[in-house]
């Protein structure tokens, strides 16, 4: 899967069924090439340019499923 495909998917928290946003960045291990974390913008998405909240960082282990349209995650927020 390409990053351009990944960042178009909605990220949904299965604990409260809330949409967290779209993937804006990711962190990967240089040695193994595996994804360690994905990042979703924090705060109000409509006023993103005014946002001062940090990104929501989601460890790869908390990703439950990556589907054709959404990414399901299980996090406390």
PDB file of N, CA and C in Angstrom:
ATOM      1  N   UNK A   1       0.836  -1.175   0.000  1.00  0.00           N
ATOM      2  CA  UNK A   1       0.000   0.000   0.000  1.00  0.00           C
ATOM      3  C   UNK A   1       0.883   1.242   0.000  1.00  0.00           C
ATOM      4  N   UNK A   2       0.502   2.230  -0.745  1.00  0.00           N
ATOM      5  CA  UNK A   2       1.233   3.482  -0.809  1.00  0.00           C
ATOM      6  C   UNK A   2       0.787   4.419   0.312  1.00  0.00           C
ATOM      7  N   UNK A   3       1.676   5.323   0.729  1.00  0.00           N
ATOM      8  CA  UNK A   3       1.321   6.295   1.750  1.00  0.00           C
ATOM      9  C   UNK A   3       0.164   7.175   1.281  1.00  0.00           C
ATOM     10  N   UNK A   4       0.148   7.494   0.002  1.00  0.00           N
ATOM     11  CA  UNK A   4      -0.940   8.318  -0.536  1.00  0.00           C
ATOM     12  C   UNK A   4      -2.293   7.622  -0.387  1.00  0.00           C
ATOM     13  N   UNK A   5      -2.326   6.300  -0.425  1.00  0.00           N
ATOM     14  CA  UNK A   5      -3.565   5.542  -0.203  1.00  0.00           C
ATOM     15  C   UNK A   5      -3.909   5.506   1.287  1.00  0.00           C
ATOM     16  N   UNK A   6      -2.883   5.341   2.124  1.00  0.00           N
ATOM     17  CA  UNK A   6      -3.073   5.259   3.569  1.00  0.00           C
ATOM     18  C   UNK A   6      -3.630   6.560   4.135  1.00  0.00           C
ATOM     19  N   UNK A   7      -3.121   7.694   3.644  1.00  0.00           N
ATOM     20  CA  UNK A   7      -3.538   8.978   4.218  1.00  0.00           C
ATOM     21  C   UNK A   7      -4.939   9.398   3.804  1.00  0.00           C
ATOM     22  N   UNK A   8      -5.550   8.713   2.868  1.00  0.00           N
ATOM     23  CA  UNK A   8      -6.921   9.026   2.449  1.00  0.00           C
ATOM     24  C   UNK A   8      -7.967   8.283   3.277  1.00  0.00           C
ATOM     25  N   UNK A   9      -7.544   7.353   4.101  1.00  0.00           N
ATOM     26  CA  UNK A   9      -8.481   6.548   4.888  1.00  0.00           C
ATOM     27  C   UNK A   9      -8.851   7.256   6.193  1.00  0.00           C
ATOM     28  N   UNK A  10     -10.107   7.133   6.606  1.00  0.00           N
ATOM     29  CA  UNK A  10     -10.552   7.660   7.890  1.00  0.00           C
ATOM     30  C   UNK A  10     -10.024   6.765   9.002  1.00  0.00           C
ATOM     31  N   UNK A  11      -9.546   7.373  10.087  1.00  0.00           N
ATOM     32  CA  UNK A  11      -9.090   6.627  11.259  1.00  0.00           C
ATOM     33  C   UNK A  11     -10.213   6.697  12.292  1.00  0.00           C
ATOM     34  N   UNK A  12     -10.718   5.517  12.696  1.00  0.00           N
ATOM     35  CA  UNK A  12     -11.840   5.410  13.620  1.00  0.00           C
ATOM     36  C   UNK A  12     -11.393   4.659  14.873  1.00  0.00           C
ATOM     37  N   UNK A  13     -11.720   5.237  16.050  1.00  0.00           N
ATOM     38  CA  UNK A  13     -11.414   4.583  17.317  1.00  0.00           C
ATOM     39  C   UNK A  13     -12.569   3.638  17.651  1.00  0.00           C
ATOM     40  N   UNK A  14     -12.284   2.334  17.822  1.00  0.00           N
ATOM     41  CA  UNK A  14     -13.346   1.359  18.084  1.00  0.00           C
ATOM     42  C   UNK A  14     -13.909   1.476  19.498  1.00  0.00           C
ATOM     43  N   UNK A  15     -13.209   2.147  20.400  1.00  0.00           N
ATOM     44  CA  UNK A  15     -13.702   2.292  21.786  1.00  0.00           C
ATOM     45  C   UNK A  15     -14.926   3.203  21.865  1.00  0.00           C
ATOM     46  N   UNK A  16     -14.923   4.284  21.091  1.00  0.00           N
ATOM     47  CA  UNK A  16     -16.050   5.220  21.152  1.00  0.00           C
ATOM     48  C   UNK A  16     -16.640   5.520  19.770  1.00  0.00           C
ATOM     49  N   UNK A  17     -16.163   4.849  18.750  1.00  0.00           N
ATOM     50  CA  UNK A  17     -16.645   4.989  17.369  1.00  0.00           C
ATOM     51  C   UNK A  17     -16.489   6.407  16.824  1.00  0.00           C
ATOM     52  N   UNK A  18     -15.517   7.156  17.338  1.00  0.00           N
ATOM     53  CA  UNK A  18     -15.277   8.518  16.859  1.00  0.00           C
ATOM     54  C   UNK A  18     -14.243   8.522  15.745  1.00  0.00           C
ATOM     55  N   UNK A  19     -14.485   9.396  14.777  1.00  0.00           N
ATOM     56  CA  UNK A  19     -13.531   9.603  13.702  1.00  0.00           C
ATOM     57  C   UNK A  19     -12.421  10.502  14.234  1.00  0.00           C
ATOM     58  N   UNK A  20     -11.182  10.032  14.140  1.00  0.00           N
ATOM     59  CA  UNK A  20     -10.037  10.803  14.619  1.00  0.00           C
ATOM     60  C   UNK A  20      -9.461  11.692  13.530  1.00  0.00           C
ATOM     61  N   UNK A  21      -9.700  11.356  12.282  1.00  0.00           N
ATOM     62  CA  UNK A  21      -9.175  12.124  11.160  1.00  0.00           C
ATOM     63  C   UNK A  21      -8.509  11.212  10.150  1.00  0.00           C
ATOM     64  N   UNK A  22      -7.538  11.747   9.439  1.00  0.00           N
ATOM     65  CA  UNK A  22      -6.781  11.006   8.432  1.00  0.00           C
ATOM     66  C   UNK A  22      -5.317  10.948   8.849  1.00  0.00           C
ATOM     67  N   UNK A  23      -4.617   9.946   8.391  1.00  0.00           N
ATOM     68  CA  UNK A  23      -3.193   9.809   8.685  1.00  0.00           C
ATOM     69  C   UNK A  23      -2.450  10.989   8.060  1.00  0.00           C
ATOM     70  N   UNK A  24      -1.631  11.670   8.866  1.00  0.00           N
ATOM     71  CA  UNK A  24      -0.862  12.800   8.337  1.00  0.00           C
ATOM     72  C   UNK A  24       0.630  12.470   8.261  1.00  0.00           C
ATOM     73  N   UNK A  25       1.063  11.476   9.041  1.00  0.00           N
ATOM     74  CA  UNK A  25       2.484  11.120   9.053  1.00  0.00           C
ATOM     75  C   UNK A  25       2.620   9.728   9.633  1.00  0.00           C
ATOM     76  N   UNK A  26       3.778   9.149   9.481  1.00  0.00           N
ATOM     77  CA  UNK A  26       4.064   7.863  10.104  1.00  0.00           C
ATOM     78  C   UNK A  26       5.532   7.789  10.497  1.00  0.00           C
ATOM     79  N   UNK A  27       5.797   6.889  11.426  1.00  0.00           N
ATOM     80  CA  UNK A  27       7.169   6.659  11.882  1.00  0.00           C
ATOM     81  C   UNK A  27       7.490   5.195  11.603  1.00  0.00           C
ATOM     82  N   UNK A  28       8.669   4.957  11.040  1.00  0.00           N
ATOM     83  CA  UNK A  28       9.041   3.571  10.770  1.00  0.00           C
ATOM     84  C   UNK A  28      10.440   3.295  11.290  1.00  0.00           C
ATOM     85  N   UNK A  29      10.727   2.025  11.515  1.00  0.00           N
ATOM     86  CA  UNK A  29      12.024   1.571  11.994  1.00  0.00           C
ATOM     87  C   UNK A  29      12.981   1.525  10.801  1.00  0.00           C
ATOM     88  N   UNK A  30      14.104   2.217  10.923  1.00  0.00           N
ATOM     89  CA  UNK A  30      15.070   2.276   9.814  1.00  0.00           C
ATOM     90  C   UNK A  30      15.654   0.918   9.473  1.00  0.00           C
ATOM     91  N   UNK A  31      15.890   0.110  10.487  1.00  0.00           N
ATOM     92  CA  UNK A  31      16.531  -1.189  10.255  1.00  0.00           C
ATOM     93  C   UNK A  31      15.596  -2.201   9.613  1.00  0.00           C
ATOM     94  N   UNK A  32      14.383  -2.312  10.163  1.00  0.00           N
ATOM     95  CA  UNK A  32      13.459  -3.333   9.662  1.00  0.00           C
ATOM     96  C   UNK A  32      12.559  -2.819   8.541  1.00  0.00           C
ATOM     97  N   UNK A  33      12.370  -1.494   8.487  1.00  0.00           N
ATOM     98  CA  UNK A  33      11.470  -0.920   7.486  1.00  0.00           C
ATOM     99  C   UNK A  33      10.002  -1.040   7.860  1.00  0.00           C
ATOM    100  N   UNK A  34       9.718  -1.498   9.085  1.00  0.00           N
ATOM    101  CA  UNK A  34       8.336  -1.671   9.537  1.00  0.00           C
ATOM    102  C   UNK A  34       7.790  -0.372  10.131  1.00  0.00           C
ATOM    103  N   UNK A  35       6.493  -0.163   9.962  1.00  0.00           N
ATOM    104  CA  UNK A  35       5.828   1.005  10.547  1.00  0.00           C
ATOM    105  C   UNK A  35       5.726   0.809  12.050  1.00  0.00           C
ATOM    106  N   UNK A  36       6.135   1.817  12.824  1.00  0.00           N
ATOM    107  CA  UNK A  36       6.041   1.793  14.293  1.00  0.00           C
ATOM    108  C   UNK A  36       4.810   2.532  14.778  1.00  0.00           C
ATOM    109  N   UNK A  37       4.508   3.701  14.177  1.00  0.00           N
ATOM    110  CA  UNK A  37       3.413   4.551  14.632  1.00  0.00           C
ATOM    111  C   UNK A  37       2.818   5.299  13.446  1.00  0.00           C
ATOM    112  N   UNK A  38       1.538   5.625  13.592  1.00  0.00           N
ATOM    113  CA  UNK A  38       0.915   6.543  12.642  1.00  0.00           C
ATOM    114  C   UNK A  38       0.487   7.779  13.423  1.00  0.00           C
ATOM    115  N   UNK A  39       0.424   8.925  12.760  1.00  0.00           N
ATOM    116  CA  UNK A  39       0.015  10.166  13.391  1.00  0.00           C
ATOM    117  C   UNK A  39      -1.222  10.725  12.701  1.00  0.00           C
ATOM    118  N   UNK A  40      -2.133  11.229  13.531  1.00  0.00           N
ATOM    119  CA  UNK A  40      -3.361  11.861  13.064  1.00  0.00           C
ATOM    120  C   UNK A  40      -3.379  13.261  13.667  1.00  0.00           C
ATOM    121  N   UNK A  41      -3.718  14.298  12.901  1.00  0.00           N
ATOM    122  CA  UNK A  41      -3.750  15.642  13.473  1.00  0.00           C
ATOM    123  C   UNK A  41      -4.692  15.722  14.663  1.00  0.00           C
ATOM    124  N   UNK A  42      -4.255  16.393  15.730  1.00  0.00           N
ATOM    125  CA  UNK A  42      -5.095  16.581  16.907  1.00  0.00           C
ATOM    126  C   UNK A  42      -5.904  17.859  16.775  1.00  0.00           C
ATOM    127  N   UNK A  43      -6.965  17.969  17.549  1.00  0.00           N
ATOM    128  CA  UNK A  43      -7.747  19.208  17.579  1.00  0.00           C
ATOM    129  C   UNK A  43      -8.740  19.316  16.457  1.00  0.00           C
ATOM    130  N   UNK A  44      -9.204  20.539  16.238  1.00  0.00           N
ATOM    131  CA  UNK A  44     -10.225  20.844  15.249  1.00  0.00           C
ATOM    132  C   UNK A  44      -9.640  20.747  13.841  1.00  0.00           C
ATOM    133  N   UNK A  45     -10.204  19.860  13.037  1.00  0.00           N
ATOM    134  CA  UNK A  45      -9.697  19.672  11.680  1.00  0.00           C
ATOM    135  C   UNK A  45     -10.078  20.819  10.755  1.00  0.00           C
ATOM    136  N   UNK A  46     -11.186  21.524  11.043  1.00  0.00           N
ATOM    137  CA  UNK A  46     -11.626  22.609  10.172  1.00  0.00           C
ATOM    138  C   UNK A  46     -10.752  23.848  10.325  1.00  0.00           C
ATOM    139  N   UNK A  47     -10.188  24.024  11.503  1.00  0.00           N
ATOM    140  CA  UNK A  47      -9.317  25.171  11.741  1.00  0.00           C
ATOM    141  C   UNK A  47      -7.892  24.693  11.984  1.00  0.00           C
ATOM    142  N   UNK A  48      -7.456  23.743  11.174  1.00  0.00           N
ATOM    143  CA  UNK A  48      -6.158  23.116  11.346  1.00  0.00           C
ATOM    144  C   UNK A  48      -4.999  24.093  11.370  1.00  0.00           C
ATOM    145  N   UNK A  49      -5.100  25.187  10.612  1.00  0.00           N
ATOM    146  CA  UNK A  49      -4.014  26.164  10.581  1.00  0.00           C
ATOM    147  C   UNK A  49      -3.910  26.934  11.895  1.00  0.00           C
ATOM    148  N   UNK A  50      -4.980  26.930  12.719  1.00  0.00           N
ATOM    149  CA  UNK A  50      -4.958  27.586  14.019  1.00  0.00           C
ATOM    150  C   UNK A  50      -4.648  26.607  15.150  1.00  0.00           C
ATOM    151  N   UNK A  51      -4.487  25.360  14.797  1.00  0.00           N
ATOM    152  CA  UNK A  51      -4.336  24.287  15.775  1.00  0.00           C
ATOM    153  C   UNK A  51      -2.997  24.367  16.505  1.00  0.00           C
ATOM    154  N   UNK A  52      -3.036  24.157  17.818  1.00  0.00           N
ATOM    155  CA  UNK A  52      -1.807  24.084  18.580  1.00  0.00           C
ATOM    156  C   UNK A  52      -1.705  22.740  19.299  1.00  0.00           C
ATOM    157  N   UNK A  53      -2.731  21.881  19.174  1.00  0.00           N
ATOM    158  CA  UNK A  53      -2.680  20.571  19.793  1.00  0.00           C
ATOM    159  C   UNK A  53      -1.706  19.672  19.025  1.00  0.00           C
ATOM    160  N   UNK A  54      -0.996  18.820  19.755  1.00  0.00           N
ATOM    161  CA  UNK A  54      -0.076  17.898  19.075  1.00  0.00           C
ATOM    162  C   UNK A  54      -0.856  16.813  18.325  1.00  0.00           C
ATOM    163  N   UNK A  55      -0.154  16.143  17.445  1.00  0.00           N
ATOM    164  CA  UNK A  55      -0.749  15.032  16.712  1.00  0.00           C
ATOM    165  C   UNK A  55      -1.114  13.904  17.668  1.00  0.00           C
ATOM    166  N   UNK A  56      -2.129  13.134  17.299  1.00  0.00           N
ATOM    167  CA  UNK A  56      -2.464  11.910  18.021  1.00  0.00           C
ATOM    168  C   UNK A  56      -1.533  10.837  17.482  1.00  0.00           C
ATOM    169  N   UNK A  57      -0.726  10.248  18.357  1.00  0.00           N
ATOM    170  CA  UNK A  57       0.239   9.225  17.963  1.00  0.00           C
ATOM    171  C   UNK A  57      -0.350   7.861  18.300  1.00  0.00           C
ATOM    172  N   UNK A  58      -0.469   7.004  17.300  1.00  0.00           N
ATOM    173  CA  UNK A  58      -1.075   5.691  17.467  1.00  0.00           C
ATOM    174  C   UNK A  58      -0.034   4.623  17.173  1.00  0.00           C
ATOM    175  N   UNK A  59       0.383   3.864  18.208  1.00  0.00           N
ATOM    176  CA  UNK A  59       1.334   2.772  17.965  1.00  0.00           C
ATOM    177  C   UNK A  59       0.732   1.735  17.010  1.00  0.00           C
ATOM    178  N   UNK A  60       1.572   1.145  16.202  1.00  0.00           N
ATOM    179  CA  UNK A  60       1.095   0.182  15.205  1.00  0.00           C
ATOM    180  C   UNK A  60       0.357  -0.981  15.858  1.00  0.00           C
ATOM    181  N   UNK A  61       0.771  -1.349  17.079  1.00  0.00           N
ATOM    182  CA  UNK A  61       0.125  -2.467  17.780  1.00  0.00           C
ATOM    183  C   UNK A  61      -1.342  -2.176  18.103  1.00  0.00           C
ATOM    184  N   UNK A  62      -1.733  -0.898  18.113  1.00  0.00           N
ATOM    185  CA  UNK A  62      -3.111  -0.521  18.421  1.00  0.00           C
ATOM    186  C   UNK A  62      -3.996  -0.434  17.183  1.00  0.00           C
ATOM    187  N   UNK A  63      -3.433  -0.675  16.017  1.00  0.00           N
ATOM    188  CA  UNK A  63      -4.236  -0.722  14.792  1.00  0.00           C
ATOM    189  C   UNK A  63      -4.873  -2.104  14.723  1.00  0.00           C
ATOM    190  N   UNK A  64      -6.208  -2.123  14.673  1.00  0.00           N
ATOM    191  CA  UNK A  64      -6.928  -3.399  14.654  1.00  0.00           C
ATOM    192  C   UNK A  64      -7.145  -3.921  13.236  1.00  0.00           C
ATOM    193  N   UNK A  65      -7.435  -3.004  12.310  1.00  0.00           N
ATOM    194  CA  UNK A  65      -7.682  -3.447  10.943  1.00  0.00           C
ATOM    195  C   UNK A  65      -7.543  -2.271   9.990  1.00  0.00           C
ATOM    196  N   UNK A  66      -6.987  -2.562   8.831  1.00  0.00           N
ATOM    197  CA  UNK A  66      -6.913  -1.573   7.758  1.00  0.00           C
ATOM    198  C   UNK A  66      -7.792  -2.093   6.633  1.00  0.00           C
ATOM    199  N   UNK A  67      -8.884  -1.377   6.397  1.00  0.00           N
ATOM    200  CA  UNK A  67      -9.828  -1.787   5.370  1.00  0.00           C
ATOM    201  C   UNK A  67      -9.695  -0.923   4.129  1.00  0.00           C
ATOM    202  N   UNK A  68     -10.591  -1.106   3.160  1.00  0.00           N
ATOM    203  CA  UNK A  68     -10.519  -0.332   1.920  1.00  0.00           C
ATOM    204  C   UNK A  68     -10.775   1.160   2.118  1.00  0.00           C
ATOM    205  N   UNK A  69     -11.564   1.524   3.152  1.00  0.00           N
ATOM    206  CA  UNK A  69     -11.923   2.929   3.368  1.00  0.00           C
ATOM    207  C   UNK A  69     -11.515   3.477   4.723  1.00  0.00           C
ATOM    208  N   UNK A  70     -11.345   2.601   5.715  1.00  0.00           N
ATOM    209  CA  UNK A  70     -11.070   3.065   7.075  1.00  0.00           C
ATOM    210  C   UNK A  70      -9.948   2.267   7.739  1.00  0.00           C
ATOM    211  N   UNK A  71      -9.397   2.878   8.785  1.00  0.00           N
ATOM    212  CA  UNK A  71      -8.415   2.223   9.646  1.00  0.00           C
ATOM    213  C   UNK A  71      -9.035   2.187  11.032  1.00  0.00           C
ATOM    214  N   UNK A  72      -9.219   0.989  11.589  1.00  0.00           N
ATOM    215  CA  UNK A  72      -9.775   0.845  12.923  1.00  0.00           C
ATOM    216  C   UNK A  72      -8.645   0.759  13.934  1.00  0.00           C
ATOM    217  N   UNK A  73      -8.714   1.598  14.975  1.00  0.00           N
ATOM    218  CA  UNK A  73      -7.699   1.608  16.022  1.00  0.00           C
ATOM    219  C   UNK A  73      -8.380   1.460  17.376  1.00  0.00           C
ATOM    220  N   UNK A  74      -7.629   1.021  18.368  1.00  0.00           N
ATOM    221  CA  UNK A  74      -8.138   0.833  19.721  1.00  0.00           C
ATOM    222  C   UNK A  74      -7.244   1.596  20.676  1.00  0.00           C
ATOM    223  N   UNK A  75      -7.616   2.866  20.965  1.00  0.00           N
ATOM    224  CA  UNK A  75      -6.800   3.711  21.838  1.00  0.00           C
ATOM    225  C   UNK A  75      -7.669   4.403  22.878  1.00  0.00           C
ATOM    226  N   UNK A  76      -7.061   4.770  24.003  1.00  0.00           N
ATOM    227  CA  UNK A  76      -7.685   5.631  25.008  1.00  0.00           C
ATOM    228  C   UNK A  76      -7.373   7.070  24.659  1.00  0.00           C
ATOM    229  N   UNK A  77      -8.387   7.888  24.492  1.00  0.00           N
ATOM    230  CA  UNK A  77      -8.124   9.314  24.245  1.00  0.00           C
ATOM    231  C   UNK A  77      -9.171  10.179  24.875  1.00  0.00           C
TER     232      UNK A  77
END
